[in-house]
């Protein structure tokens, strides 16, 4: 079975602890005998302070035993609707790189609602089932910010 994790957060050189739980989960799946890979787009307004990282850089590496496709670059905050569509398309471009290297995965495992938005789009386009693991407690307390509701639905 091939599982492609669509990570809303993932450790990077910019923040080694961000999304480390996703990395640990990927390693646990791999240890259980499941082929797993990760796609992650780190796009942030904070990168404006790092001129060499502003250009959108793609990379593929096996990190901690997990095939990982990345994109990093500068862009506006994720709360902007236009940005979310642009950001989702960057993830789709990472998916195409995964598809070229490994073929079609059996399932997409999205981490966070942002990963879920991307997985939903890829699922519709390529007929791949997906599931979402959300890590935010506002879902449990029904205290979701209004701007997130359309994407979460």
C-alpha atoms as a PDB file:
ATOM      1  CA  UNK A   1       0.000   0.000   0.000  1.00  0.00           C
ATOM      2  CA  UNK A   2       1.234   3.481  -0.895  1.00  0.00           C
ATOM      3  CA  UNK A   3       0.248   6.366   1.391  1.00  0.00           C
ATOM      4  CA  UNK A   4       1.068   9.933   0.425  1.00  0.00           C
ATOM      5  CA  UNK A   5       0.967  12.343   3.345  1.00  0.00           C
ATOM      6  CA  UNK A   6      -0.119  15.856   2.427  1.00  0.00           C
ATOM      7  CA  UNK A   7       1.405  17.782   5.318  1.00  0.00           C
ATOM      8  CA  UNK A   8       0.091  21.150   6.409  1.00  0.00           C
ATOM      9  CA  UNK A   9       3.051  21.274   8.795  1.00  0.00           C
ATOM     10  CA  UNK A  10       6.350  19.435   8.605  1.00  0.00           C
ATOM     11  CA  UNK A  11       9.837  19.920  10.051  1.00  0.00           C
ATOM     12  CA  UNK A  12      12.033  22.177   7.939  1.00  0.00           C
ATOM     13  CA  UNK A  13      15.266  24.090   8.222  1.00  0.00           C
ATOM     14  CA  UNK A  14      13.115  27.064   9.210  1.00  0.00           C
ATOM     15  CA  UNK A  15      11.489  25.205  12.122  1.00  0.00           C
ATOM     16  CA  UNK A  16      12.709  21.733  13.080  1.00  0.00           C
ATOM     17  CA  UNK A  17       9.808  21.070  15.485  1.00  0.00           C
ATOM     18  CA  UNK A  18       6.951  22.224  13.257  1.00  0.00           C
ATOM     19  CA  UNK A  19       4.869  19.193  12.409  1.00  0.00           C
ATOM     20  CA  UNK A  20       7.348  16.725  13.833  1.00  0.00           C
ATOM     21  CA  UNK A  21       4.357  14.603  14.874  1.00  0.00           C
ATOM     22  CA  UNK A  22       3.583  14.143  11.161  1.00  0.00           C
ATOM     23  CA  UNK A  23       7.127  12.900  10.565  1.00  0.00           C
ATOM     24  CA  UNK A  24       6.822  10.465  13.490  1.00  0.00           C
ATOM     25  CA  UNK A  25       3.524   9.187  12.133  1.00  0.00           C
ATOM     26  CA  UNK A  26       5.081   8.671   8.686  1.00  0.00           C
ATOM     27  CA  UNK A  27       7.937   6.733  10.277  1.00  0.00           C
ATOM     28  CA  UNK A  28       5.463   4.575  12.244  1.00  0.00           C
ATOM     29  CA  UNK A  29       3.532   3.762   9.055  1.00  0.00           C
ATOM     30  CA  UNK A  30       6.780   2.869   7.320  1.00  0.00           C
ATOM     31  CA  UNK A  31       7.834   0.662  10.235  1.00  0.00           C
ATOM     32  CA  UNK A  32       4.466  -1.146   9.868  1.00  0.00           C
ATOM     33  CA  UNK A  33       5.425  -2.011   6.271  1.00  0.00           C
ATOM     34  CA  UNK A  34       3.512   0.721   4.450  1.00  0.00           C
ATOM     35  CA  UNK A  35       5.163   2.654   1.608  1.00  0.00           C
ATOM     36  CA  UNK A  36       4.867   6.274   2.670  1.00  0.00           C
ATOM     37  CA  UNK A  37       6.022   9.613   1.282  1.00  0.00           C
ATOM     38  CA  UNK A  38       5.371  13.258   2.168  1.00  0.00           C
ATOM     39  CA  UNK A  39       4.636  16.395   0.175  1.00  0.00           C
ATOM     40  CA  UNK A  40       5.006  19.732   1.963  1.00  0.00           C
ATOM     41  CA  UNK A  41       4.949  23.331   0.767  1.00  0.00           C
ATOM     42  CA  UNK A  42       6.467  25.814   3.197  1.00  0.00           C
ATOM     43  CA  UNK A  43       5.377  29.189   1.902  1.00  0.00           C
ATOM     44  CA  UNK A  44       5.594  32.065   4.340  1.00  0.00           C
ATOM     45  CA  UNK A  45       5.763  35.828   4.615  1.00  0.00           C
ATOM     46  CA  UNK A  46       8.611  35.288   7.090  1.00  0.00           C
ATOM     47  CA  UNK A  47      10.909  34.212   4.274  1.00  0.00           C
ATOM     48  CA  UNK A  48      11.112  37.817   3.072  1.00  0.00           C
ATOM     49  CA  UNK A  49      13.975  38.133   5.582  1.00  0.00           C
ATOM     50  CA  UNK A  50      15.823  35.285   3.819  1.00  0.00           C
ATOM     51  CA  UNK A  51      16.407  36.538   0.241  1.00  0.00           C
ATOM     52  CA  UNK A  52      17.929  33.271  -1.013  1.00  0.00           C
ATOM     53  CA  UNK A  53      14.764  31.424   0.105  1.00  0.00           C
ATOM     54  CA  UNK A  54      12.243  33.778  -1.526  1.00  0.00           C
ATOM     55  CA  UNK A  55      12.456  31.984  -4.852  1.00  0.00           C
ATOM     56  CA  UNK A  56      10.310  28.900  -4.814  1.00  0.00           C
ATOM     57  CA  UNK A  57      12.659  25.979  -4.443  1.00  0.00           C
ATOM     58  CA  UNK A  58      11.605  22.395  -5.108  1.00  0.00           C
ATOM     59  CA  UNK A  59      13.499  19.519  -3.601  1.00  0.00           C
ATOM     60  CA  UNK A  60      13.272  15.774  -3.218  1.00  0.00           C
ATOM     61  CA  UNK A  61      15.193  13.926  -0.516  1.00  0.00           C
ATOM     62  CA  UNK A  62      14.819  10.887   1.673  1.00  0.00           C
ATOM     63  CA  UNK A  63      14.604  12.497   5.106  1.00  0.00           C
ATOM     64  CA  UNK A  64      14.646  10.347   8.220  1.00  0.00           C
ATOM     65  CA  UNK A  65      13.865   7.398   5.962  1.00  0.00           C
ATOM     66  CA  UNK A  66      10.832   9.095   4.345  1.00  0.00           C
ATOM     67  CA  UNK A  67      10.746  10.186   0.687  1.00  0.00           C
ATOM     68  CA  UNK A  68       9.925  13.909   0.965  1.00  0.00           C
ATOM     69  CA  UNK A  69       8.956  16.378  -1.749  1.00  0.00           C
ATOM     70  CA  UNK A  70       9.238  20.026  -0.690  1.00  0.00           C
ATOM     71  CA  UNK A  71       8.686  23.506  -1.938  1.00  0.00           C
ATOM     72  CA  UNK A  72       9.736  26.592   0.007  1.00  0.00           C
ATOM     73  CA  UNK A  73       9.210  30.218  -0.801  1.00  0.00           C
ATOM     74  CA  UNK A  74       7.710  33.565   0.107  1.00  0.00           C
ATOM     75  CA  UNK A  75       4.043  34.362  -0.074  1.00  0.00           C
ATOM     76  CA  UNK A  76       1.223  36.113   1.763  1.00  0.00           C
ATOM     77  CA  UNK A  77      -0.482  34.754   4.886  1.00  0.00           C
ATOM     78  CA  UNK A  78      -2.640  31.638   4.532  1.00  0.00           C
ATOM     79  CA  UNK A  79      -5.800  33.441   5.617  1.00  0.00           C
ATOM     80  CA  UNK A  80      -6.017  35.121   2.216  1.00  0.00           C
ATOM     81  CA  UNK A  81      -8.452  33.223  -0.068  1.00  0.00           C
ATOM     82  CA  UNK A  82      -6.457  33.897  -3.237  1.00  0.00           C
ATOM     83  CA  UNK A  83      -3.339  32.678  -1.517  1.00  0.00           C
ATOM     84  CA  UNK A  84      -5.019  29.445  -0.462  1.00  0.00           C
ATOM     85  CA  UNK A  85      -5.819  28.588  -4.085  1.00  0.00           C
ATOM     86  CA  UNK A  86      -2.278  29.452  -5.151  1.00  0.00           C
ATOM     87  CA  UNK A  87      -0.852  27.457  -2.234  1.00  0.00           C
ATOM     88  CA  UNK A  88      -3.018  24.424  -3.121  1.00  0.00           C
ATOM     89  CA  UNK A  89      -1.722  24.551  -6.707  1.00  0.00           C
ATOM     90  CA  UNK A  90       1.877  24.469  -5.405  1.00  0.00           C
ATOM     91  CA  UNK A  91       0.997  21.306  -3.502  1.00  0.00           C
ATOM     92  CA  UNK A  92      -0.549  19.845  -6.644  1.00  0.00           C
ATOM     93  CA  UNK A  93       2.738  20.483  -8.446  1.00  0.00           C
ATOM     94  CA  UNK A  94       4.507  18.497  -5.698  1.00  0.00           C
ATOM     95  CA  UNK A  95       1.938  15.729  -6.160  1.00  0.00           C
ATOM     96  CA  UNK A  96       2.818  15.574  -9.866  1.00  0.00           C
ATOM     97  CA  UNK A  97       6.488  15.144  -8.949  1.00  0.00           C
ATOM     98  CA  UNK A  98       5.508  12.313  -6.590  1.00  0.00           C
ATOM     99  CA  UNK A  99       3.316  10.745  -9.293  1.00  0.00           C
ATOM    100  CA  UNK A 100       6.193  10.816 -11.772  1.00  0.00           C
ATOM    101  CA  UNK A 101       8.573   9.118  -9.329  1.00  0.00           C
ATOM    102  CA  UNK A 102       6.322   6.612  -7.533  1.00  0.00           C
ATOM    103  CA  UNK A 103       3.057   6.360  -9.472  1.00  0.00           C
ATOM    104  CA  UNK A 104      -0.439   6.846  -8.116  1.00  0.00           C
ATOM    105  CA  UNK A 105      -0.739   6.384  -4.327  1.00  0.00           C
ATOM    106  CA  UNK A 106      -3.466   4.190  -2.860  1.00  0.00           C
ATOM    107  CA  UNK A 107      -4.544   6.854  -0.392  1.00  0.00           C
ATOM    108  CA  UNK A 108      -3.820  10.464   0.516  1.00  0.00           C
ATOM    109  CA  UNK A 109      -3.466  11.192   4.233  1.00  0.00           C
ATOM    110  CA  UNK A 110      -3.913  14.901   4.835  1.00  0.00           C
ATOM    111  CA  UNK A 111      -2.613  16.476   8.006  1.00  0.00           C
ATOM    112  CA  UNK A 112      -4.570  19.597   9.070  1.00  0.00           C
ATOM    113  CA  UNK A 113      -7.453  21.252   7.261  1.00  0.00           C
ATOM    114  CA  UNK A 114      -5.021  22.927   4.857  1.00  0.00           C
ATOM    115  CA  UNK A 115      -3.647  19.541   3.851  1.00  0.00           C
ATOM    116  CA  UNK A 116      -7.268  18.399   3.635  1.00  0.00           C
ATOM    117  CA  UNK A 117      -8.086  21.140   1.152  1.00  0.00           C
ATOM    118  CA  UNK A 118      -5.227  19.977  -1.064  1.00  0.00           C
ATOM    119  CA  UNK A 119      -6.080  16.273  -0.660  1.00  0.00           C
ATOM    120  CA  UNK A 120      -9.711  16.985  -1.570  1.00  0.00           C
ATOM    121  CA  UNK A 121      -8.638  18.683  -4.812  1.00  0.00           C
ATOM    122  CA  UNK A 122      -6.173  15.937  -5.741  1.00  0.00           C
ATOM    123  CA  UNK A 123      -8.736  13.271  -4.830  1.00  0.00           C
ATOM    124  CA  UNK A 124     -11.360  14.770  -7.131  1.00  0.00           C
ATOM    125  CA  UNK A 125      -8.946  15.172 -10.017  1.00  0.00           C
ATOM    126  CA  UNK A 126      -7.155  11.797  -9.774  1.00  0.00           C
ATOM    127  CA  UNK A 127      -9.810   9.617  -8.104  1.00  0.00           C
ATOM    128  CA  UNK A 128      -7.701   8.796  -5.044  1.00  0.00           C
ATOM    129  CA  UNK A 129      -9.377   8.287  -1.661  1.00  0.00           C
ATOM    130  CA  UNK A 130      -8.249  10.545   1.164  1.00  0.00           C
ATOM    131  CA  UNK A 131      -8.592  11.040   4.878  1.00  0.00           C
ATOM    132  CA  UNK A 132      -7.852  14.030   7.062  1.00  0.00           C
ATOM    133  CA  UNK A 133      -6.272  14.091  10.505  1.00  0.00           C
ATOM    134  CA  UNK A 134      -6.953  17.435  12.150  1.00  0.00           C
ATOM    135  CA  UNK A 135      -4.914  18.625  15.107  1.00  0.00           C
ATOM    136  CA  UNK A 136      -6.785  21.766  16.133  1.00  0.00           C
ATOM    137  CA  UNK A 137      -8.996  21.694  19.186  1.00  0.00           C
ATOM    138  CA  UNK A 138     -11.406  24.371  17.808  1.00  0.00           C
ATOM    139  CA  UNK A 139     -13.013  21.578  15.792  1.00  0.00           C
ATOM    140  CA  UNK A 140     -13.896  19.767  18.999  1.00  0.00           C
ATOM    141  CA  UNK A 141     -15.220  22.923  20.655  1.00  0.00           C
ATOM    142  CA  UNK A 142     -17.024  24.158  17.523  1.00  0.00           C
ATOM    143  CA  UNK A 143     -15.008  27.378  17.685  1.00  0.00           C
ATOM    144  CA  UNK A 144     -13.744  27.444  14.097  1.00  0.00           C
ATOM    145  CA  UNK A 145     -12.834  30.873  12.666  1.00  0.00           C
ATOM    146  CA  UNK A 146     -15.351  31.913   9.987  1.00  0.00           C
ATOM    147  CA  UNK A 147     -12.722  32.207   7.245  1.00  0.00           C
ATOM    148  CA  UNK A 148     -11.842  28.504   7.690  1.00  0.00           C
ATOM    149  CA  UNK A 149     -15.399  27.127   7.512  1.00  0.00           C
ATOM    150  CA  UNK A 150     -15.761  26.915   3.700  1.00  0.00           C
ATOM    151  CA  UNK A 151     -12.460  25.019   3.386  1.00  0.00           C
ATOM    152  CA  UNK A 152     -13.259  22.700   6.250  1.00  0.00           C
ATOM    153  CA  UNK A 153     -16.625  21.801   4.755  1.00  0.00           C
END
